[in-house]
Structure formats: C-alpha cells, structure tokens
C-alpha atoms as a PDB file:
ATOM      1  CA  UNK A   1      -3.464  -4.339   5.520  1.00  0.00           C
ATOM      2  CA  UNK A   2      -1.311  -1.486   6.775  1.00  0.00           C
ATOM      3  CA  UNK A   3      -0.822   1.527   4.553  1.00  0.00           C
ATOM      4  CA  UNK A   4       2.832   1.320   5.636  1.00  0.00           C
ATOM      5  CA  UNK A   5       3.873  -2.295   4.968  1.00  0.00           C
ATOM      6  CA  UNK A   6       7.531  -1.577   5.760  1.00  0.00           C
ATOM      7  CA  UNK A   7       6.538  -0.798   9.348  1.00  0.00           C
ATOM      8  CA  UNK A   8       5.538  -4.391  10.084  1.00  0.00           C
ATOM      9  CA  UNK A   9       7.101  -6.564   7.413  1.00  0.00           C
ATOM     10  CA  UNK A  10      10.612  -7.905   7.032  1.00  0.00           C
ATOM     11  CA  UNK A  11      12.382  -8.566   3.770  1.00  0.00           C
ATOM     12  CA  UNK A  12      12.447 -12.264   2.894  1.00  0.00           C
ATOM     13  CA  UNK A  13      15.614 -14.270   3.454  1.00  0.00           C
ATOM     14  CA  UNK A  14      16.484 -14.273  -0.254  1.00  0.00           C
ATOM     15  CA  UNK A  15      16.071 -10.516  -0.502  1.00  0.00           C
ATOM     16  CA  UNK A  16      18.167  -9.982   2.647  1.00  0.00           C
ATOM     17  CA  UNK A  17      20.923 -12.148   1.137  1.00  0.00           C
ATOM     18  CA  UNK A  18      20.885 -10.094  -2.082  1.00  0.00           C
ATOM     19  CA  UNK A  19      20.958  -6.776  -0.232  1.00  0.00           C
ATOM     20  CA  UNK A  20      23.755  -8.002   2.046  1.00  0.00           C
ATOM     21  CA  UNK A  21      25.763  -9.182  -0.973  1.00  0.00           C
ATOM     22  CA  UNK A  22      25.406  -5.777  -2.645  1.00  0.00           C
ATOM     23  CA  UNK A  23      26.478  -3.991   0.532  1.00  0.00           C
ATOM     24  CA  UNK A  24      29.475  -6.332   0.827  1.00  0.00           C
ATOM     25  CA  UNK A  25      30.494  -5.439  -2.744  1.00  0.00           C
ATOM     26  CA  UNK A  26      30.134  -1.731  -1.945  1.00  0.00           C
ATOM     27  CA  UNK A  27      32.303  -2.109   1.165  1.00  0.00           C
ATOM     28  CA  UNK A  28      34.899  -4.108  -0.764  1.00  0.00           C
ATOM     29  CA  UNK A  29      35.062  -1.627  -3.649  1.00  0.00           C
ATOM     30  CA  UNK A  30      35.264   1.447  -1.431  1.00  0.00           C
ATOM     31  CA  UNK A  31      37.336  -0.092   1.386  1.00  0.00           C
ATOM     32  CA  UNK A  32      34.985   1.758   3.767  1.00  0.00           C
ATOM     33  CA  UNK A  33      35.070   0.941   7.477  1.00  0.00           C
ATOM     34  CA  UNK A  34      31.449   1.932   7.968  1.00  0.00           C
ATOM     35  CA  UNK A  35      28.290   2.924   6.158  1.00  0.00           C
ATOM     36  CA  UNK A  36      26.021   5.805   7.095  1.00  0.00           C
ATOM     37  CA  UNK A  37      22.329   5.521   6.317  1.00  0.00           C
ATOM     38  CA  UNK A  38      19.744   8.271   6.260  1.00  0.00           C
ATOM     39  CA  UNK A  39      15.996   7.927   6.215  1.00  0.00           C
ATOM     40  CA  UNK A  40      13.362  10.425   5.076  1.00  0.00           C
ATOM     41  CA  UNK A  41      10.351   8.771   6.697  1.00  0.00           C
ATOM     42  CA  UNK A  42       8.248  11.205   8.749  1.00  0.00           C
ATOM     43  CA  UNK A  43       7.002   8.913  11.514  1.00  0.00           C
ATOM     44  CA  UNK A  44       9.597   8.172  14.190  1.00  0.00           C
ATOM     45  CA  UNK A  45       8.473   4.550  14.556  1.00  0.00           C
ATOM     46  CA  UNK A  46       8.826   4.042  10.788  1.00  0.00           C
ATOM     47  CA  UNK A  47      12.351   5.489  10.827  1.00  0.00           C
ATOM     48  CA  UNK A  48      13.328   3.228  13.725  1.00  0.00           C
ATOM     49  CA  UNK A  49      11.914   0.180  11.928  1.00  0.00           C
ATOM     50  CA  UNK A  50      13.790   1.076   8.733  1.00  0.00           C
ATOM     51  CA  UNK A  51      17.065   1.229  10.668  1.00  0.00           C
ATOM     52  CA  UNK A  52      16.232  -2.036  12.446  1.00  0.00           C
ATOM     53  CA  UNK A  53      15.841  -3.701   9.050  1.00  0.00           C
ATOM     54  CA  UNK A  54      19.254  -2.390   7.956  1.00  0.00           C
ATOM     55  CA  UNK A  55      20.804  -3.521  11.264  1.00  0.00           C
ATOM     56  CA  UNK A  56      19.388  -7.020  10.746  1.00  0.00           C
ATOM     57  CA  UNK A  57      21.445  -7.269   7.546  1.00  0.00           C
ATOM     58  CA  UNK A  58      24.598  -7.341   9.654  1.00  0.00           C
ATOM     59  CA  UNK A  59      23.571 -10.637  11.256  1.00  0.00           C
END
C-alpha cells in the first residue's frame, strides 16, 4: 500500500456527493463566483492529484 493513499485513490461517490453539497452551500451563502484552493503537499504529482480530485467535484 502506498504511503500516500491520496495520490492514487479517489473519494467514493457518497463522499464526493457530500463534499459537493457542502461546497454548494458555501457558494450559495457567500454568493461567490469562484473558489480558490491551495495545497501544501510537497510533491508536485501529489499537488496535481489533489487539484484533480477537487476538479472532479465539478462534474
């Protein structure tokens, strides 16, 4: 098993739904047009994967 499970795994469908719902509430409450995410992971590939996971929530 990888010491960095986030690098290869994807959140399950139920978890993605919950995260998406919370982001939708945040957008509704703030009336924001966009969200900006930051990531403190050291490895470039890990950072890219983290942002890919967030991008998948839009679908």
